């Protein structure tokens, strides 16, 4: 699971069926549970999610970074705010596209009808959300796309693709079950880059999706 580790941070390749941290609905095994002994917990105000600067949904796989220290946490959080920390995802979605790339700029807010979901909305309280999409492959009325997050809202890619009626394949919450059991959405965090909090060295990481993902549309 650990891809890179030093005294400041840990980069992991998160597997399926694993929460990033405990929630009010679920306290099952999490990324933080697995790494808590490596984190300087006492430095963090929020002891329930120390070092978490980005979060992946339970069944979204791939790369994420966890800060070991408050200094690293503050640096990585600043890089997210100033958009120098880059996150790219691979997704398989329903339908095909007329263009090779598009920019989705639609604000997101929590649904009033179903509080487990987020929705695109013109509500003044909705938060700005921007996703850059590049179409990589199209096959059998499905598309493999690369999504770069300009903002990092909850469920952002899944919500934006739902809004465009290009539902993420096998997504039980924003699309529908496509017959792949115990897998859920075909969404993988495959690229992550940021400047090291201490050395300012640019670090870049890549992760290929698993065999089940590649069996639908192969990446590379």
C-alpha atoms as a PDB file:
ATOM      1  CA  UNK A   1       0.000   0.000   0.000  1.00  0.00           C
ATOM      2  CA  UNK A   2       2.895   2.422   0.794  1.00  0.00           C
ATOM      3  CA  UNK A   3       4.476   3.862  -2.356  1.00  0.00           C
ATOM      4  CA  UNK A   4       6.801   6.420  -0.739  1.00  0.00           C
ATOM      5  CA  UNK A   5       7.666   7.399   2.816  1.00  0.00           C
ATOM      6  CA  UNK A   6      10.053   9.747   4.590  1.00  0.00           C
ATOM      7  CA  UNK A   7      10.079  11.718   7.849  1.00  0.00           C
ATOM      8  CA  UNK A   8       7.489  14.196   6.530  1.00  0.00           C
ATOM      9  CA  UNK A   9       4.859  12.270   4.612  1.00  0.00           C
ATOM     10  CA  UNK A  10       3.543   9.003   3.219  1.00  0.00           C
ATOM     11  CA  UNK A  11       2.182   8.376  -0.277  1.00  0.00           C
ATOM     12  CA  UNK A  12      -0.051   5.319  -0.547  1.00  0.00           C
ATOM     13  CA  UNK A  13      -1.902   3.406  -3.248  1.00  0.00           C
ATOM     14  CA  UNK A  14      -5.289   2.941  -1.559  1.00  0.00           C
ATOM     15  CA  UNK A  15      -7.144  -0.312  -2.258  1.00  0.00           C
ATOM     16  CA  UNK A  16     -10.868  -0.883  -2.709  1.00  0.00           C
ATOM     17  CA  UNK A  17     -13.246  -1.029   0.259  1.00  0.00           C
ATOM     18  CA  UNK A  18     -11.171   1.160   2.564  1.00  0.00           C
ATOM     19  CA  UNK A  19     -12.246   4.480   4.048  1.00  0.00           C
ATOM     20  CA  UNK A  20      -9.721   7.271   4.480  1.00  0.00           C
ATOM     21  CA  UNK A  21     -10.824   7.923   8.065  1.00  0.00           C
ATOM     22  CA  UNK A  22     -13.705   7.089  10.403  1.00  0.00           C
ATOM     23  CA  UNK A  23     -17.060   8.739   9.742  1.00  0.00           C
ATOM     24  CA  UNK A  24     -20.167   9.131  11.868  1.00  0.00           C
ATOM     25  CA  UNK A  25     -21.674   6.304   9.813  1.00  0.00           C
ATOM     26  CA  UNK A  26     -18.731   3.897   9.763  1.00  0.00           C
ATOM     27  CA  UNK A  27     -15.736   3.163  11.998  1.00  0.00           C
ATOM     28  CA  UNK A  28     -14.389   0.162  10.085  1.00  0.00           C
ATOM     29  CA  UNK A  29     -10.718  -0.242   9.161  1.00  0.00           C
ATOM     30  CA  UNK A  30      -9.361   2.921   7.553  1.00  0.00           C
ATOM     31  CA  UNK A  31      -6.199   4.357   6.010  1.00  0.00           C
ATOM     32  CA  UNK A  32      -5.588   6.342   9.195  1.00  0.00           C
ATOM     33  CA  UNK A  33      -5.981   3.191  11.321  1.00  0.00           C
ATOM     34  CA  UNK A  34      -3.273   1.513   9.236  1.00  0.00           C
ATOM     35  CA  UNK A  35      -0.870   4.471   9.396  1.00  0.00           C
ATOM     36  CA  UNK A  36      -1.623   6.043  12.790  1.00  0.00           C
ATOM     37  CA  UNK A  37       1.586   4.674  14.352  1.00  0.00           C
ATOM     38  CA  UNK A  38       3.622   6.603  11.760  1.00  0.00           C
ATOM     39  CA  UNK A  39       1.928   9.986  12.284  1.00  0.00           C
ATOM     40  CA  UNK A  40       2.839  12.556  14.949  1.00  0.00           C
ATOM     41  CA  UNK A  41      -0.762  12.660  16.151  1.00  0.00           C
ATOM     42  CA  UNK A  42      -0.126  15.030  19.076  1.00  0.00           C
ATOM     43  CA  UNK A  43       0.737  17.818  16.619  1.00  0.00           C
ATOM     44  CA  UNK A  44      -2.751  17.770  15.102  1.00  0.00           C
ATOM     45  CA  UNK A  45      -5.847  19.429  16.513  1.00  0.00           C
ATOM     46  CA  UNK A  46      -8.186  16.895  14.881  1.00  0.00           C
ATOM     47  CA  UNK A  47      -7.085  13.536  16.281  1.00  0.00           C
ATOM     48  CA  UNK A  48      -9.702  11.640  14.240  1.00  0.00           C
ATOM     49  CA  UNK A  49      -8.070  12.427  10.885  1.00  0.00           C
ATOM     50  CA  UNK A  50      -4.481  13.559  11.554  1.00  0.00           C
ATOM     51  CA  UNK A  51      -2.475  14.319   8.442  1.00  0.00           C
ATOM     52  CA  UNK A  52      -5.378  13.966   6.002  1.00  0.00           C
ATOM     53  CA  UNK A  53      -5.063  16.657   3.326  1.00  0.00           C
ATOM     54  CA  UNK A  54      -7.046  14.786   0.664  1.00  0.00           C
ATOM     55  CA  UNK A  55      -9.625  12.015   0.872  1.00  0.00           C
ATOM     56  CA  UNK A  56     -10.584   9.175  -1.442  1.00  0.00           C
ATOM     57  CA  UNK A  57     -14.020   7.550  -1.308  1.00  0.00           C
ATOM     58  CA  UNK A  58     -14.168   4.006   0.063  1.00  0.00           C
ATOM     59  CA  UNK A  59     -14.168   2.394  -3.392  1.00  0.00           C
ATOM     60  CA  UNK A  60     -12.070   4.923  -5.261  1.00  0.00           C
ATOM     61  CA  UNK A  61      -8.583   3.465  -5.561  1.00  0.00           C
ATOM     62  CA  UNK A  62      -5.156   4.934  -6.031  1.00  0.00           C
ATOM     63  CA  UNK A  63      -2.676   7.549  -4.886  1.00  0.00           C
ATOM     64  CA  UNK A  64      -3.082   9.837  -1.923  1.00  0.00           C
ATOM     65  CA  UNK A  65      -0.684  11.637   0.415  1.00  0.00           C
ATOM     66  CA  UNK A  66      -0.804  11.700   4.226  1.00  0.00           C
ATOM     67  CA  UNK A  67       1.249  14.215   6.247  1.00  0.00           C
ATOM     68  CA  UNK A  68       3.182  12.876   9.226  1.00  0.00           C
ATOM     69  CA  UNK A  69       3.731  16.299  10.801  1.00  0.00           C
ATOM     70  CA  UNK A  70       1.789  19.531  11.152  1.00  0.00           C
ATOM     71  CA  UNK A  71       4.467  21.382   9.179  1.00  0.00           C
ATOM     72  CA  UNK A  72       4.013  18.988   6.239  1.00  0.00           C
ATOM     73  CA  UNK A  73       0.250  19.151   6.581  1.00  0.00           C
ATOM     74  CA  UNK A  74       0.238  22.952   6.363  1.00  0.00           C
ATOM     75  CA  UNK A  75       2.536  22.910   3.327  1.00  0.00           C
ATOM     76  CA  UNK A  76       0.472  20.336   1.445  1.00  0.00           C
ATOM     77  CA  UNK A  77      -2.776  22.101   2.312  1.00  0.00           C
ATOM     78  CA  UNK A  78      -1.342  25.370   0.975  1.00  0.00           C
ATOM     79  CA  UNK A  79      -0.356  23.582  -2.250  1.00  0.00           C
ATOM     80  CA  UNK A  80      -3.929  22.345  -2.629  1.00  0.00           C
ATOM     81  CA  UNK A  81      -5.247  25.877  -2.130  1.00  0.00           C
ATOM     82  CA  UNK A  82      -2.806  27.420  -4.620  1.00  0.00           C
ATOM     83  CA  UNK A  83      -3.343  24.480  -7.013  1.00  0.00           C
ATOM     84  CA  UNK A  84       0.311  23.428  -7.204  1.00  0.00           C
ATOM     85  CA  UNK A  85      -0.603  19.965  -5.872  1.00  0.00           C
ATOM     86  CA  UNK A  86      -1.870  18.103  -8.946  1.00  0.00           C
ATOM     87  CA  UNK A  87      -4.343  15.195  -8.802  1.00  0.00           C
ATOM     88  CA  UNK A  88      -5.407  13.257 -11.873  1.00  0.00           C
ATOM     89  CA  UNK A  89      -7.865  10.383 -12.047  1.00  0.00           C
ATOM     90  CA  UNK A  90      -8.806   7.724 -14.560  1.00  0.00           C
ATOM     91  CA  UNK A  91     -12.508   6.971 -14.913  1.00  0.00           C
ATOM     92  CA  UNK A  92     -14.582   4.748 -17.137  1.00  0.00           C
ATOM     93  CA  UNK A  93     -17.884   6.430 -17.924  1.00  0.00           C
ATOM     94  CA  UNK A  94     -21.009   5.667 -19.926  1.00  0.00           C
ATOM     95  CA  UNK A  95     -21.362   7.161 -23.392  1.00  0.00           C
ATOM     96  CA  UNK A  96     -18.945   8.699 -25.873  1.00  0.00           C
ATOM     97  CA  UNK A  97     -17.798  12.276 -26.423  1.00  0.00           C
ATOM     98  CA  UNK A  98     -17.785  14.498 -29.502  1.00  0.00           C
ATOM     99  CA  UNK A  99     -14.673  16.349 -28.342  1.00  0.00           C
ATOM    100  CA  UNK A 100     -11.304  15.184 -26.980  1.00  0.00           C
ATOM    101  CA  UNK A 101     -11.416  17.514 -23.991  1.00  0.00           C
ATOM    102  CA  UNK A 102     -13.811  19.611 -21.953  1.00  0.00           C
ATOM    103  CA  UNK A 103     -13.946  21.796 -18.881  1.00  0.00           C
ATOM    104  CA  UNK A 104     -16.721  21.154 -16.373  1.00  0.00           C
ATOM    105  CA  UNK A 105     -17.299  24.182 -14.162  1.00  0.00           C
ATOM    106  CA  UNK A 106     -20.426  23.526 -12.110  1.00  0.00           C
ATOM    107  CA  UNK A 107     -20.910  24.376  -8.407  1.00  0.00           C
ATOM    108  CA  UNK A 108     -21.679  21.540  -5.999  1.00  0.00           C
ATOM    109  CA  UNK A 109     -23.732  21.341  -2.800  1.00  0.00           C
ATOM    110  CA  UNK A 110     -25.029  18.559  -0.583  1.00  0.00           C
ATOM    111  CA  UNK A 111     -28.391  17.210  -1.701  1.00  0.00           C
ATOM    112  CA  UNK A 112     -31.360  18.124   0.496  1.00  0.00           C
ATOM    113  CA  UNK A 113     -33.246  15.017  -0.672  1.00  0.00           C
ATOM    114  CA  UNK A 114     -30.420  12.544   0.023  1.00  0.00           C
ATOM    115  CA  UNK A 115     -27.675  13.765   2.365  1.00  0.00           C
ATOM    116  CA  UNK A 116     -25.264  11.012   1.243  1.00  0.00           C
ATOM    117  CA  UNK A 117     -25.162  12.642  -2.210  1.00  0.00           C
ATOM    118  CA  UNK A 118     -23.821  15.879  -3.652  1.00  0.00           C
ATOM    119  CA  UNK A 119     -25.501  17.678  -6.564  1.00  0.00           C
ATOM    120  CA  UNK A 120     -24.764  20.400  -9.092  1.00  0.00           C
ATOM    121  CA  UNK A 121     -26.746  23.466  -8.048  1.00  0.00           C
ATOM    122  CA  UNK A 122     -27.132  27.215  -8.610  1.00  0.00           C
ATOM    123  CA  UNK A 123     -27.759  27.644  -4.878  1.00  0.00           C
ATOM    124  CA  UNK A 124     -25.666  30.607  -3.603  1.00  0.00           C
ATOM    125  CA  UNK A 125     -24.196  28.275  -0.968  1.00  0.00           C
ATOM    126  CA  UNK A 126     -22.925  25.790  -3.577  1.00  0.00           C
ATOM    127  CA  UNK A 127     -19.129  25.618  -3.809  1.00  0.00           C
ATOM    128  CA  UNK A 128     -17.170  26.232  -6.995  1.00  0.00           C
ATOM    129  CA  UNK A 129     -16.095  22.969  -8.641  1.00  0.00           C
ATOM    130  CA  UNK A 130     -13.974  22.581 -11.774  1.00  0.00           C
ATOM    131  CA  UNK A 131     -12.915  19.359 -13.488  1.00  0.00           C
ATOM    132  CA  UNK A 132     -10.736  19.153 -16.608  1.00  0.00           C
ATOM    133  CA  UNK A 133     -11.541  16.121 -18.762  1.00  0.00           C
ATOM    134  CA  UNK A 134      -9.431  14.492 -21.485  1.00  0.00           C
ATOM    135  CA  UNK A 135     -10.902  11.588 -23.464  1.00  0.00           C
ATOM    136  CA  UNK A 136      -8.322   8.786 -23.814  1.00  0.00           C
ATOM    137  CA  UNK A 137     -10.284   5.885 -25.370  1.00  0.00           C
ATOM    138  CA  UNK A 138     -13.840   5.083 -26.461  1.00  0.00           C
ATOM    139  CA  UNK A 139     -15.222   1.567 -26.814  1.00  0.00           C
ATOM    140  CA  UNK A 140     -18.665  -0.096 -26.770  1.00  0.00           C
ATOM    141  CA  UNK A 141     -20.468   3.113 -25.735  1.00  0.00           C
ATOM    142  CA  UNK A 142     -18.022   3.584 -22.867  1.00  0.00           C
ATOM    143  CA  UNK A 143     -15.168   6.071 -22.509  1.00  0.00           C
ATOM    144  CA  UNK A 144     -11.898   6.059 -20.589  1.00  0.00           C
ATOM    145  CA  UNK A 145     -11.234   9.593 -19.426  1.00  0.00           C
ATOM    146  CA  UNK A 146      -8.580  11.460 -17.474  1.00  0.00           C
ATOM    147  CA  UNK A 147      -9.943  13.933 -14.937  1.00  0.00           C
ATOM    148  CA  UNK A 148      -7.785  16.663 -13.415  1.00  0.00           C
ATOM    149  CA  UNK A 149      -9.250  18.226 -10.302  1.00  0.00           C
ATOM    150  CA  UNK A 150      -8.880  22.003 -10.184  1.00  0.00           C
ATOM    151  CA  UNK A 151     -10.981  21.937  -7.004  1.00  0.00           C
ATOM    152  CA  UNK A 152     -11.451  19.014  -4.630  1.00  0.00           C
ATOM    153  CA  UNK A 153     -15.109  18.810  -3.676  1.00  0.00           C
ATOM    154  CA  UNK A 154     -16.722  15.704  -2.204  1.00  0.00           C
ATOM    155  CA  UNK A 155     -17.571  13.190  -4.966  1.00  0.00           C
ATOM    156  CA  UNK A 156     -16.656  15.881  -7.522  1.00  0.00           C
ATOM    157  CA  UNK A 157     -15.904  13.671 -10.537  1.00  0.00           C
ATOM    158  CA  UNK A 158     -18.865  11.392  -9.876  1.00  0.00           C
ATOM    159  CA  UNK A 159     -21.236  14.373  -9.482  1.00  0.00           C
ATOM    160  CA  UNK A 160     -19.975  16.179 -12.576  1.00  0.00           C
ATOM    161  CA  UNK A 161     -20.204  13.070 -14.747  1.00  0.00           C
ATOM    162  CA  UNK A 162     -23.695  12.371 -13.428  1.00  0.00           C
ATOM    163  CA  UNK A 163     -24.683  15.943 -14.335  1.00  0.00           C
ATOM    164  CA  UNK A 164     -23.493  15.360 -17.916  1.00  0.00           C
ATOM    165  CA  UNK A 165     -25.258  11.957 -18.046  1.00  0.00           C
ATOM    166  CA  UNK A 166     -21.881  10.246 -18.496  1.00  0.00           C
ATOM    167  CA  UNK A 167     -22.263   8.227 -15.285  1.00  0.00           C
ATOM    168  CA  UNK A 168     -19.132   6.598 -13.903  1.00  0.00           C
ATOM    169  CA  UNK A 169     -19.299   2.898 -14.762  1.00  0.00           C
ATOM    170  CA  UNK A 170     -20.764   0.714 -12.005  1.00  0.00           C
ATOM    171  CA  UNK A 171     -21.311   3.696  -9.676  1.00  0.00           C
ATOM    172  CA  UNK A 172     -24.096   2.664  -7.273  1.00  0.00           C
ATOM    173  CA  UNK A 173     -24.691   6.177  -5.887  1.00  0.00           C
ATOM    174  CA  UNK A 174     -24.588   8.453  -8.925  1.00  0.00           C
ATOM    175  CA  UNK A 175     -25.179   5.966 -11.732  1.00  0.00           C
ATOM    176  CA  UNK A 176     -26.249   2.346 -11.534  1.00  0.00           C
ATOM    177  CA  UNK A 177     -24.955  -1.173 -10.978  1.00  0.00           C
ATOM    178  CA  UNK A 178     -23.367  -2.451 -14.182  1.00  0.00           C
ATOM    179  CA  UNK A 179     -22.979  -5.996 -12.912  1.00  0.00           C
ATOM    180  CA  UNK A 180     -19.479  -5.824 -11.388  1.00  0.00           C
ATOM    181  CA  UNK A 181     -20.042  -7.095  -7.853  1.00  0.00           C
ATOM    182  CA  UNK A 182     -18.097  -5.790  -4.835  1.00  0.00           C
ATOM    183  CA  UNK A 183     -16.278  -3.155  -6.906  1.00  0.00           C
ATOM    184  CA  UNK A 184     -18.452  -0.026  -7.222  1.00  0.00           C
ATOM    185  CA  UNK A 185     -17.261   2.993  -9.239  1.00  0.00           C
ATOM    186  CA  UNK A 186     -14.484   2.640 -11.843  1.00  0.00           C
ATOM    187  CA  UNK A 187     -12.461   5.594 -10.593  1.00  0.00           C
ATOM    188  CA  UNK A 188      -8.724   5.510  -9.901  1.00  0.00           C
ATOM    189  CA  UNK A 189      -6.354   8.217  -8.645  1.00  0.00           C
ATOM    190  CA  UNK A 190      -3.450   7.531 -10.984  1.00  0.00           C
ATOM    191  CA  UNK A 191      -1.248  10.660 -10.847  1.00  0.00           C
ATOM    192  CA  UNK A 192      -0.130  12.818  -7.943  1.00  0.00           C
ATOM    193  CA  UNK A 193       2.508  15.561  -7.828  1.00  0.00           C
ATOM    194  CA  UNK A 194       3.530  18.157  -5.260  1.00  0.00           C
ATOM    195  CA  UNK A 195       6.581  19.929  -3.844  1.00  0.00           C
ATOM    196  CA  UNK A 196       8.181  18.285  -0.838  1.00  0.00           C
ATOM    197  CA  UNK A 197       7.358  20.328   2.297  1.00  0.00           C
ATOM    198  CA  UNK A 198      10.993  20.443   3.463  1.00  0.00           C
ATOM    199  CA  UNK A 199      13.164  20.304   0.337  1.00  0.00           C
ATOM    200  CA  UNK A 200      10.724  21.840  -2.184  1.00  0.00           C
ATOM    201  CA  UNK A 201      11.699  19.012  -4.562  1.00  0.00           C
ATOM    202  CA  UNK A 202       8.966  18.181  -7.072  1.00  0.00           C
ATOM    203  CA  UNK A 203       7.678  14.662  -6.375  1.00  0.00           C
ATOM    204  CA  UNK A 204       5.595  12.802  -8.973  1.00  0.00           C
ATOM    205  CA  UNK A 205       3.862   9.455  -8.627  1.00  0.00           C
ATOM    206  CA  UNK A 206       1.881   7.260 -11.016  1.00  0.00           C
ATOM    207  CA  UNK A 207      -0.275   4.198 -10.383  1.00  0.00           C
ATOM    208  CA  UNK A 208      -1.935   1.908 -12.930  1.00  0.00           C
ATOM    209  CA  UNK A 209      -5.514   0.706 -12.334  1.00  0.00           C
ATOM    210  CA  UNK A 210      -6.181  -2.908 -11.402  1.00  0.00           C
ATOM    211  CA  UNK A 211      -7.039  -5.874 -13.641  1.00  0.00           C
ATOM    212  CA  UNK A 212     -10.813  -5.494 -13.211  1.00  0.00           C
ATOM    213  CA  UNK A 213     -10.636  -1.854 -14.326  1.00  0.00           C
ATOM    214  CA  UNK A 214      -8.415  -2.764 -17.295  1.00  0.00           C
ATOM    215  CA  UNK A 215     -10.717  -5.617 -18.298  1.00  0.00           C
ATOM    216  CA  UNK A 216     -13.414  -3.069 -19.261  1.00  0.00           C
ATOM    217  CA  UNK A 217     -11.147  -0.559 -21.034  1.00  0.00           C
ATOM    218  CA  UNK A 218      -7.408  -1.029 -20.733  1.00  0.00           C
ATOM    219  CA  UNK A 219      -5.294   1.925 -19.732  1.00  0.00           C
ATOM    220  CA  UNK A 220      -2.095   2.128 -21.844  1.00  0.00           C
END
